[in-house]
């Protein structure tokens, strides 16, 4: 059953060569989001991993912005809360932030200061892991709030960019991997 789900998910990720720049092969998940069965299959696979590996979870934290597509659905299925990790300046009230380096400059992520209690068990989610910079910054942000990071979860991992290495010691789970 999960092999069929995996096939369905893989079939709904399309490639766009030379986007956003020459030499880049963009993995596009919009066909997956358009197809209710394929989207459900992706959620089922992510949920199965979370239930199997992490019987006790307190929160799902989604990275801006595509982590917001998967995170709330998974949080609802698991019966836990959902936390927004946003780009700087998008959240009201007191926040904690972390700066990180991108290929082309600096960026910042933030979370509301009261979003996570010390010791809460958190799974981070995003659609794709490339170089790992954004996910690593999200891990640092959750660590700053003294959360226990159980897992970093993505739908697509671009293995050739070695983003998982940048996340260590935090674990990574990906549904689809591309070399």
N, C-alpha and C. Protein backbone atom coordinates (compact mmCIF):
# COMPACT_ATOMS: atom_id res chain seq x y z
N UNK A 1 0.83 -1.21 0.00
CA UNK A 1 0.00 0.00 0.00
C UNK A 1 0.86 1.26 0.00
N UNK A 2 1.91 1.29 0.82
CA UNK A 2 2.73 2.51 0.85
C UNK A 2 3.54 2.66 -0.44
N UNK A 3 3.88 1.55 -1.11
CA UNK A 3 4.59 1.65 -2.40
C UNK A 3 3.69 2.33 -3.43
N UNK A 4 2.43 2.03 -3.41
CA UNK A 4 1.47 2.67 -4.33
C UNK A 4 1.35 4.16 -4.01
N UNK A 5 1.28 4.50 -2.73
CA UNK A 5 1.21 5.91 -2.33
C UNK A 5 2.48 6.65 -2.76
N UNK A 6 3.62 6.02 -2.55
CA UNK A 6 4.88 6.63 -2.93
C UNK A 6 4.95 6.88 -4.44
N UNK A 7 4.50 5.91 -5.22
CA UNK A 7 4.46 6.07 -6.68
C UNK A 7 3.57 7.25 -7.07
N UNK A 8 2.41 7.34 -6.43
CA UNK A 8 1.46 8.41 -6.73
C UNK A 8 2.07 9.78 -6.40
N UNK A 9 2.74 9.88 -5.28
CA UNK A 9 3.38 11.14 -4.90
C UNK A 9 4.48 11.49 -5.91
N UNK A 10 5.34 10.54 -6.21
CA UNK A 10 6.46 10.78 -7.14
C UNK A 10 5.94 11.24 -8.51
N UNK A 11 4.86 10.65 -8.97
CA UNK A 11 4.29 11.01 -10.28
C UNK A 11 3.75 12.43 -10.31
N UNK A 12 3.50 13.02 -9.14
CA UNK A 12 2.91 14.36 -9.08
C UNK A 12 3.92 15.44 -8.69
N UNK A 13 5.19 15.12 -8.80
CA UNK A 13 6.25 16.13 -8.66
C UNK A 13 6.85 16.28 -10.04
N UNK A 14 6.78 17.50 -10.58
CA UNK A 14 7.29 17.70 -11.94
C UNK A 14 8.57 18.54 -11.92
N UNK A 15 9.32 18.40 -12.99
CA UNK A 15 10.60 19.07 -13.11
C UNK A 15 10.49 20.29 -14.02
N UNK A 16 11.18 21.37 -13.61
CA UNK A 16 11.33 22.55 -14.45
C UNK A 16 12.82 22.85 -14.56
N UNK A 17 13.42 22.49 -15.72
CA UNK A 17 14.85 22.80 -15.90
C UNK A 17 15.08 24.32 -15.98
N UNK A 18 16.25 24.72 -15.50
CA UNK A 18 16.69 26.11 -15.58
C UNK A 18 15.76 27.09 -14.87
N UNK A 19 15.19 26.65 -13.75
CA UNK A 19 14.38 27.54 -12.92
C UNK A 19 14.80 27.36 -11.48
N UNK A 20 15.04 28.40 -10.73
CA UNK A 20 14.89 29.83 -11.06
C UNK A 20 16.08 30.42 -11.77
N UNK A 21 17.11 29.59 -12.04
CA UNK A 21 18.31 30.09 -12.72
C UNK A 21 18.84 28.99 -13.63
N UNK A 22 19.62 29.35 -14.63
CA UNK A 22 20.20 28.34 -15.53
C UNK A 22 20.98 27.28 -14.74
N UNK A 23 20.78 26.03 -15.12
CA UNK A 23 21.48 24.92 -14.47
C UNK A 23 20.75 24.33 -13.27
N UNK A 24 19.66 24.96 -12.83
CA UNK A 24 18.89 24.46 -11.69
C UNK A 24 17.71 23.65 -12.20
N UNK A 25 17.50 22.48 -11.61
CA UNK A 25 16.33 21.66 -11.92
C UNK A 25 15.35 21.80 -10.76
N UNK A 26 14.26 22.52 -10.97
CA UNK A 26 13.28 22.82 -9.93
C UNK A 26 12.29 21.66 -9.80
N UNK A 27 12.10 21.17 -8.59
CA UNK A 27 11.12 20.12 -8.29
C UNK A 27 9.85 20.79 -7.80
N UNK A 28 8.81 20.72 -8.61
CA UNK A 28 7.56 21.45 -8.39
C UNK A 28 6.49 20.54 -7.81
N UNK A 29 5.96 20.92 -6.64
CA UNK A 29 4.93 20.10 -5.98
C UNK A 29 3.51 20.58 -6.27
N UNK A 30 3.35 21.61 -7.10
CA UNK A 30 1.98 22.11 -7.32
C UNK A 30 1.05 21.07 -7.95
N UNK A 31 1.52 20.17 -8.82
CA UNK A 31 0.59 19.13 -9.30
C UNK A 31 0.11 18.22 -8.16
N UNK A 32 0.95 17.98 -7.18
CA UNK A 32 0.58 17.18 -6.02
C UNK A 32 -0.52 17.89 -5.23
N UNK A 33 -0.38 19.18 -5.07
CA UNK A 33 -1.37 19.95 -4.31
C UNK A 33 -2.70 20.03 -5.05
N UNK A 34 -2.67 19.99 -6.37
CA UNK A 34 -3.89 20.05 -7.19
C UNK A 34 -4.68 18.75 -7.18
N UNK A 35 -4.00 17.65 -6.90
CA UNK A 35 -4.64 16.34 -6.96
C UNK A 35 -4.95 15.84 -5.55
N UNK A 36 -6.23 15.76 -5.18
CA UNK A 36 -6.56 15.39 -3.80
C UNK A 36 -6.04 14.01 -3.39
N UNK A 37 -6.01 13.06 -4.30
CA UNK A 37 -5.52 11.72 -3.95
C UNK A 37 -4.00 11.71 -3.75
N UNK A 38 -3.30 12.44 -4.59
CA UNK A 38 -1.84 12.51 -4.45
C UNK A 38 -1.46 13.27 -3.18
N UNK A 39 -2.17 14.37 -2.90
CA UNK A 39 -1.90 15.12 -1.67
C UNK A 39 -2.20 14.26 -0.44
N UNK A 40 -3.31 13.55 -0.47
CA UNK A 40 -3.65 12.66 0.64
C UNK A 40 -2.58 11.58 0.82
N UNK A 41 -2.08 11.04 -0.29
CA UNK A 41 -1.03 10.02 -0.22
C UNK A 41 0.22 10.59 0.43
N UNK A 42 0.57 11.84 0.11
CA UNK A 42 1.76 12.45 0.73
C UNK A 42 1.55 12.62 2.23
N UNK A 43 0.38 13.07 2.61
CA UNK A 43 0.07 13.24 4.04
C UNK A 43 0.07 11.88 4.74
N UNK A 44 -0.52 10.87 4.11
CA UNK A 44 -0.54 9.52 4.70
C UNK A 44 0.87 9.00 4.96
N UNK A 45 1.77 9.20 3.99
CA UNK A 45 3.15 8.73 4.14
C UNK A 45 3.88 9.48 5.26
N UNK A 46 3.70 10.79 5.31
CA UNK A 46 4.32 11.58 6.38
C UNK A 46 3.76 11.19 7.75
N UNK A 47 2.44 11.03 7.81
CA UNK A 47 1.80 10.64 9.07
C UNK A 47 2.29 9.27 9.54
N UNK A 48 2.38 8.32 8.62
CA UNK A 48 2.84 6.97 8.98
C UNK A 48 4.24 7.02 9.59
N UNK A 49 5.12 7.81 9.00
CA UNK A 49 6.47 7.95 9.55
C UNK A 49 6.42 8.53 10.96
N UNK A 50 5.65 9.60 11.13
CA UNK A 50 5.59 10.26 12.43
C UNK A 50 5.02 9.34 13.50
N UNK A 51 3.96 8.64 13.17
CA UNK A 51 3.35 7.73 14.16
C UNK A 51 4.30 6.57 14.50
N UNK A 52 5.00 6.07 13.49
CA UNK A 52 5.91 4.94 13.69
C UNK A 52 7.13 5.33 14.51
N UNK A 53 7.73 6.45 14.20
CA UNK A 53 9.01 6.85 14.83
C UNK A 53 8.85 7.70 16.08
N UNK A 54 7.72 8.38 16.21
CA UNK A 54 7.56 9.35 17.31
C UNK A 54 6.17 9.22 17.95
N UNK A 55 6.01 8.24 18.83
CA UNK A 55 4.69 8.04 19.44
C UNK A 55 4.25 9.21 20.33
N UNK A 56 5.20 10.01 20.81
CA UNK A 56 4.86 11.16 21.65
C UNK A 56 5.36 12.45 21.00
N UNK A 57 4.44 13.21 20.45
CA UNK A 57 4.74 14.50 19.80
C UNK A 57 3.84 15.54 20.44
N UNK A 58 4.38 16.73 20.70
CA UNK A 58 3.56 17.81 21.24
C UNK A 58 3.14 18.82 20.18
N UNK A 59 4.05 19.11 19.24
CA UNK A 59 3.79 20.15 18.25
C UNK A 59 4.44 19.80 16.92
N UNK A 60 3.79 20.26 15.85
CA UNK A 60 4.39 20.28 14.52
C UNK A 60 4.71 21.74 14.25
N UNK A 61 5.93 22.01 13.80
CA UNK A 61 6.34 23.38 13.46
C UNK A 61 6.61 23.44 11.96
N UNK A 62 5.86 24.28 11.26
CA UNK A 62 5.99 24.38 9.81
C UNK A 62 6.80 25.59 9.41
N UNK A 63 7.68 25.38 8.42
CA UNK A 63 8.53 26.45 7.91
C UNK A 63 7.80 27.22 6.82
N UNK A 64 7.97 28.52 6.87
CA UNK A 64 7.38 29.46 5.92
C UNK A 64 7.90 29.16 4.52
N UNK A 65 7.09 28.93 3.57
CA UNK A 65 5.64 28.93 3.61
C UNK A 65 5.05 27.56 3.28
N UNK A 66 5.80 26.72 2.59
CA UNK A 66 5.20 25.45 2.18
C UNK A 66 5.07 24.45 3.31
N UNK A 67 5.79 24.66 4.40
CA UNK A 67 5.57 23.83 5.58
C UNK A 67 4.18 24.05 6.15
N UNK A 68 3.58 25.20 5.79
CA UNK A 68 2.22 25.50 6.24
C UNK A 68 1.17 24.68 5.48
N UNK A 69 1.54 24.11 4.35
CA UNK A 69 0.61 23.28 3.58
C UNK A 69 0.46 21.89 4.19
N UNK A 70 1.55 21.35 4.70
CA UNK A 70 1.56 19.98 5.22
C UNK A 70 1.37 19.94 6.74
N UNK A 71 1.97 20.89 7.43
CA UNK A 71 1.99 20.88 8.89
C UNK A 71 0.64 20.88 9.59
N UNK A 72 -0.27 21.80 9.25
CA UNK A 72 -1.56 21.81 9.95
C UNK A 72 -2.38 20.54 9.75
N UNK A 73 -2.31 19.97 8.55
CA UNK A 73 -3.05 18.73 8.29
C UNK A 73 -2.49 17.60 9.15
N UNK A 74 -1.15 17.51 9.21
CA UNK A 74 -0.51 16.47 10.03
C UNK A 74 -0.78 16.70 11.51
N UNK A 75 -0.72 17.95 11.96
CA UNK A 75 -0.99 18.25 13.36
C UNK A 75 -2.41 17.83 13.72
N UNK A 76 -3.36 18.13 12.85
CA UNK A 76 -4.75 17.75 13.10
C UNK A 76 -4.89 16.25 13.18
N UNK A 77 -4.26 15.53 12.27
CA UNK A 77 -4.35 14.06 12.28
C UNK A 77 -3.72 13.46 13.54
N UNK A 78 -2.64 14.09 14.02
CA UNK A 78 -1.94 13.58 15.20
C UNK A 78 -2.55 14.10 16.50
N UNK A 79 -3.46 15.05 16.39
CA UNK A 79 -4.08 15.61 17.59
C UNK A 79 -3.15 16.49 18.40
N UNK A 80 -2.28 17.24 17.69
CA UNK A 80 -1.33 18.13 18.36
C UNK A 80 -1.45 19.53 17.75
N UNK A 81 -0.76 20.48 18.38
CA UNK A 81 -0.79 21.85 17.90
C UNK A 81 0.16 22.08 16.74
N UNK A 82 -0.02 23.22 16.08
CA UNK A 82 0.82 23.62 14.96
C UNK A 82 1.43 24.99 15.26
N UNK A 83 2.72 25.14 14.97
CA UNK A 83 3.46 26.38 15.21
C UNK A 83 3.99 26.91 13.89
N UNK A 84 3.85 28.22 13.71
CA UNK A 84 4.36 28.89 12.51
C UNK A 84 5.80 29.36 12.73
N UNK A 85 6.70 28.98 11.83
CA UNK A 85 8.05 29.54 11.78
C UNK A 85 8.07 30.40 10.53
N UNK A 86 8.15 31.72 10.75
CA UNK A 86 7.96 32.68 9.65
C UNK A 86 9.22 33.43 9.31
N UNK A 87 9.20 34.05 8.15
CA UNK A 87 10.23 35.00 7.79
C UNK A 87 10.06 36.23 8.69
N UNK A 88 11.15 36.90 8.97
CA UNK A 88 11.14 38.03 9.90
C UNK A 88 10.10 39.08 9.53
N UNK A 89 9.41 39.58 10.55
CA UNK A 89 8.46 40.67 10.37
C UNK A 89 7.04 40.24 10.05
N UNK A 90 6.75 38.95 10.10
CA UNK A 90 5.42 38.46 9.71
C UNK A 90 4.55 38.06 10.91
N UNK A 91 5.12 38.04 12.12
CA UNK A 91 4.38 37.60 13.30
C UNK A 91 4.16 38.75 14.28
N UNK A 92 2.97 38.83 14.87
CA UNK A 92 2.73 39.86 15.89
C UNK A 92 3.28 39.43 17.24
N UNK A 93 3.44 40.40 18.12
CA UNK A 93 3.85 40.13 19.49
C UNK A 93 5.33 39.83 19.61
N UNK A 94 5.74 39.49 20.83
CA UNK A 94 7.16 39.18 21.06
C UNK A 94 7.58 37.93 20.29
N UNK A 95 8.77 37.99 19.70
CA UNK A 95 9.27 36.86 18.91
C UNK A 95 10.73 36.58 19.26
N UNK A 96 11.14 35.38 18.91
CA UNK A 96 12.56 34.99 18.93
C UNK A 96 12.95 34.83 17.47
N UNK A 97 14.20 35.18 17.17
CA UNK A 97 14.63 35.06 15.77
C UNK A 97 16.04 34.49 15.67
N UNK A 98 16.34 33.98 14.47
CA UNK A 98 17.65 33.44 14.14
C UNK A 98 18.00 33.92 12.74
N UNK A 99 19.23 34.41 12.58
CA UNK A 99 19.73 34.79 11.26
C UNK A 99 20.48 33.61 10.65
N UNK A 100 20.44 33.53 9.35
CA UNK A 100 21.18 32.47 8.65
C UNK A 100 21.59 32.96 7.28
N UNK A 101 22.55 32.26 6.70
CA UNK A 101 23.11 32.65 5.41
C UNK A 101 22.47 31.86 4.29
N UNK A 102 22.10 32.57 3.25
CA UNK A 102 21.60 31.98 2.01
C UNK A 102 22.71 32.07 0.97
N UNK A 103 22.48 31.40 -0.16
CA UNK A 103 23.46 31.46 -1.25
C UNK A 103 23.70 32.90 -1.67
N UNK A 104 22.71 33.76 -1.52
CA UNK A 104 22.76 35.12 -2.05
C UNK A 104 22.66 36.20 -0.97
N UNK A 105 22.82 35.85 0.31
CA UNK A 105 22.74 36.87 1.35
C UNK A 105 22.32 36.31 2.69
N UNK A 106 21.72 37.16 3.50
CA UNK A 106 21.26 36.80 4.85
C UNK A 106 19.74 36.75 4.87
N UNK A 107 19.21 35.96 5.81
CA UNK A 107 17.77 35.91 6.05
C UNK A 107 17.56 35.67 7.54
N UNK A 108 16.32 35.85 7.98
CA UNK A 108 15.98 35.60 9.38
C UNK A 108 14.66 34.86 9.46
N UNK A 109 14.59 33.94 10.40
CA UNK A 109 13.35 33.26 10.74
C UNK A 109 12.95 33.67 12.14
N UNK A 110 11.65 33.65 12.40
CA UNK A 110 11.20 33.95 13.75
C UNK A 110 9.98 33.13 14.11
N UNK A 111 9.77 33.05 15.41
CA UNK A 111 8.63 32.34 15.99
C UNK A 111 8.16 33.17 17.17
N UNK A 112 6.88 33.11 17.48
CA UNK A 112 6.40 33.83 18.66
C UNK A 112 7.05 33.23 19.91
N UNK A 113 7.43 34.09 20.82
CA UNK A 113 8.19 33.69 22.00
C UNK A 113 7.47 32.64 22.85
N UNK A 114 6.15 32.65 22.83
CA UNK A 114 5.38 31.70 23.65
C UNK A 114 4.85 30.51 22.85
N UNK A 115 5.38 30.30 21.65
CA UNK A 115 4.87 29.23 20.77
C UNK A 115 5.21 27.83 21.28
N UNK A 116 6.34 27.70 21.96
CA UNK A 116 6.82 26.40 22.41
C UNK A 116 7.27 26.52 23.86
N UNK A 117 6.86 25.56 24.68
CA UNK A 117 7.31 25.50 26.07
C UNK A 117 8.59 24.67 26.14
N UNK A 118 9.48 24.99 27.08
CA UNK A 118 10.70 24.17 27.23
C UNK A 118 10.34 22.70 27.41
N UNK A 119 11.06 21.85 26.69
CA UNK A 119 10.86 20.41 26.79
C UNK A 119 9.80 19.83 25.87
N UNK A 120 9.02 20.69 25.20
CA UNK A 120 8.01 20.14 24.29
C UNK A 120 8.69 19.45 23.12
N UNK A 121 8.08 18.35 22.69
CA UNK A 121 8.61 17.53 21.61
C UNK A 121 8.04 18.04 20.28
N UNK A 122 8.97 18.45 19.39
CA UNK A 122 8.57 19.14 18.16
C UNK A 122 9.12 18.41 16.94
N UNK A 123 8.28 18.31 15.91
CA UNK A 123 8.71 17.86 14.58
C UNK A 123 8.62 19.06 13.65
N UNK A 124 9.70 19.34 12.95
CA UNK A 124 9.75 20.43 11.97
C UNK A 124 9.39 19.88 10.60
N UNK A 125 8.63 20.66 9.83
CA UNK A 125 8.24 20.19 8.50
C UNK A 125 8.36 21.30 7.46
N UNK A 126 8.81 20.87 6.26
CA UNK A 126 8.85 21.76 5.10
C UNK A 126 8.63 20.88 3.86
N UNK A 127 8.45 21.53 2.72
CA UNK A 127 8.21 20.76 1.51
C UNK A 127 9.48 20.14 0.95
N UNK A 128 10.62 20.87 1.07
CA UNK A 128 11.82 20.45 0.37
C UNK A 128 13.07 20.82 1.17
N UNK A 129 14.05 19.94 1.13
CA UNK A 129 15.36 20.23 1.72
C UNK A 129 16.37 20.31 0.59
N UNK A 130 17.00 21.46 0.47
CA UNK A 130 18.07 21.64 -0.53
C UNK A 130 19.40 21.70 0.22
N UNK A 131 19.91 22.90 0.46
CA UNK A 131 21.20 23.03 1.16
C UNK A 131 21.07 22.88 2.67
N UNK A 132 19.84 22.97 3.19
CA UNK A 132 19.60 22.76 4.61
C UNK A 132 19.67 24.02 5.46
N UNK A 133 19.96 25.16 4.87
CA UNK A 133 20.12 26.39 5.64
C UNK A 133 18.88 26.81 6.40
N UNK A 134 17.74 26.80 5.74
CA UNK A 134 16.50 27.24 6.39
C UNK A 134 16.08 26.26 7.48
N UNK A 135 16.15 24.96 7.20
CA UNK A 135 15.78 23.96 8.20
C UNK A 135 16.74 24.03 9.39
N UNK A 136 18.02 24.23 9.13
CA UNK A 136 18.99 24.34 10.23
C UNK A 136 18.66 25.54 11.11
N UNK A 137 18.32 26.67 10.48
CA UNK A 137 17.94 27.86 11.24
C UNK A 137 16.68 27.58 12.09
N UNK A 138 15.74 26.84 11.53
CA UNK A 138 14.53 26.50 12.28
C UNK A 138 14.88 25.62 13.49
N UNK A 139 15.82 24.70 13.31
CA UNK A 139 16.28 23.87 14.43
C UNK A 139 16.91 24.74 15.52
N UNK A 140 17.72 25.70 15.11
CA UNK A 140 18.35 26.61 16.07
C UNK A 140 17.30 27.43 16.81
N UNK A 141 16.28 27.84 16.09
CA UNK A 141 15.19 28.61 16.70
C UNK A 141 14.44 27.78 17.74
N UNK A 142 14.13 26.54 17.40
CA UNK A 142 13.44 25.67 18.36
C UNK A 142 14.34 25.35 19.55
N UNK A 143 15.62 25.19 19.30
CA UNK A 143 16.58 24.94 20.39
C UNK A 143 16.66 26.14 21.32
N UNK A 144 16.59 27.33 20.76
CA UNK A 144 16.60 28.57 21.54
C UNK A 144 15.43 28.59 22.53
N UNK A 145 14.30 28.01 22.12
CA UNK A 145 13.12 27.95 22.98
C UNK A 145 13.13 26.69 23.87
N UNK A 146 14.23 25.93 23.79
CA UNK A 146 14.43 24.73 24.59
C UNK A 146 13.46 23.60 24.26
N UNK A 147 13.02 23.55 22.99
CA UNK A 147 12.19 22.45 22.52
C UNK A 147 13.07 21.22 22.31
N UNK A 148 12.47 20.05 22.39
CA UNK A 148 13.15 18.81 22.02
C UNK A 148 12.79 18.52 20.57
N UNK A 149 13.75 18.62 19.68
CA UNK A 149 13.50 18.39 18.26
C UNK A 149 13.57 16.90 18.00
N UNK A 150 12.43 16.33 17.62
CA UNK A 150 12.35 14.89 17.34
C UNK A 150 12.81 14.56 15.93
N UNK A 151 12.48 15.43 14.98
CA UNK A 151 12.71 15.10 13.57
C UNK A 151 12.57 16.34 12.72
N UNK A 152 13.27 16.34 11.60
CA UNK A 152 13.08 17.30 10.52
C UNK A 152 12.50 16.48 9.37
N UNK A 153 11.35 16.88 8.88
CA UNK A 153 10.62 16.09 7.90
C UNK A 153 10.34 16.94 6.66
N UNK A 154 10.62 16.36 5.49
CA UNK A 154 10.34 17.04 4.23
C UNK A 154 9.72 16.04 3.24
N UNK A 155 9.01 16.57 2.29
CA UNK A 155 8.47 15.73 1.23
C UNK A 155 9.59 15.35 0.26
N UNK A 156 10.41 16.34 -0.14
CA UNK A 156 11.44 16.15 -1.17
C UNK A 156 12.81 16.52 -0.60
N UNK A 157 13.79 15.65 -0.82
CA UNK A 157 15.17 15.94 -0.44
C UNK A 157 16.05 15.90 -1.69
N UNK A 158 16.80 16.97 -1.90
CA UNK A 158 17.77 17.02 -2.99
C UNK A 158 19.11 16.57 -2.40
N UNK A 159 19.35 15.26 -2.43
CA UNK A 159 20.49 14.66 -1.73
C UNK A 159 21.84 15.19 -2.20
N UNK A 160 21.94 15.53 -3.47
CA UNK A 160 23.22 15.98 -4.02
C UNK A 160 23.68 17.31 -3.41
N UNK A 161 22.77 18.04 -2.76
CA UNK A 161 23.15 19.30 -2.11
C UNK A 161 23.58 19.11 -0.65
N UNK A 162 23.45 17.87 -0.15
CA UNK A 162 23.95 17.48 1.17
C UNK A 162 23.38 18.31 2.33
N UNK A 163 22.12 18.69 2.21
CA UNK A 163 21.47 19.45 3.27
C UNK A 163 21.36 18.68 4.57
N UNK A 164 21.21 17.34 4.49
CA UNK A 164 21.10 16.52 5.71
C UNK A 164 22.36 16.65 6.56
N UNK A 165 23.52 16.81 5.92
CA UNK A 165 24.77 16.96 6.68
C UNK A 165 24.74 18.23 7.53
N UNK A 166 24.13 19.25 7.00
CA UNK A 166 24.06 20.54 7.70
C UNK A 166 23.12 20.49 8.91
N UNK A 167 22.20 19.53 8.91
CA UNK A 167 21.23 19.42 10.00
C UNK A 167 21.77 18.69 11.22
N UNK A 168 22.82 17.91 11.03
CA UNK A 168 23.32 17.08 12.13
C UNK A 168 23.57 17.94 13.37
N UNK A 169 23.18 17.45 14.54
CA UNK A 169 22.81 16.09 14.91
C UNK A 169 21.31 15.79 14.77
N UNK A 170 20.54 16.72 14.19
CA UNK A 170 19.10 16.50 14.09
C UNK A 170 18.79 15.53 12.96
N UNK A 171 17.86 14.61 13.20
CA UNK A 171 17.53 13.62 12.16
C UNK A 171 16.68 14.23 11.04
N UNK A 172 16.74 13.59 9.88
CA UNK A 172 15.97 14.01 8.72
C UNK A 172 15.23 12.82 8.15
N UNK A 173 13.96 13.05 7.80
CA UNK A 173 13.18 12.05 7.06
C UNK A 173 12.64 12.74 5.81
N UNK A 174 12.79 12.09 4.67
CA UNK A 174 12.23 12.60 3.42
C UNK A 174 11.46 11.49 2.72
N UNK A 175 10.33 11.85 2.12
CA UNK A 175 9.52 10.88 1.38
C UNK A 175 10.19 10.56 0.06
N UNK A 176 10.61 11.59 -0.68
CA UNK A 176 11.26 11.41 -1.98
C UNK A 176 12.67 11.97 -1.91
N UNK A 177 13.60 11.25 -2.54
CA UNK A 177 14.99 11.71 -2.61
C UNK A 177 15.40 11.75 -4.08
N UNK A 178 16.13 12.82 -4.40
CA UNK A 178 16.68 12.97 -5.75
C UNK A 178 18.18 13.16 -5.62
N UNK A 179 18.94 12.35 -6.39
CA UNK A 179 20.41 12.46 -6.38
C UNK A 179 20.88 13.47 -7.41
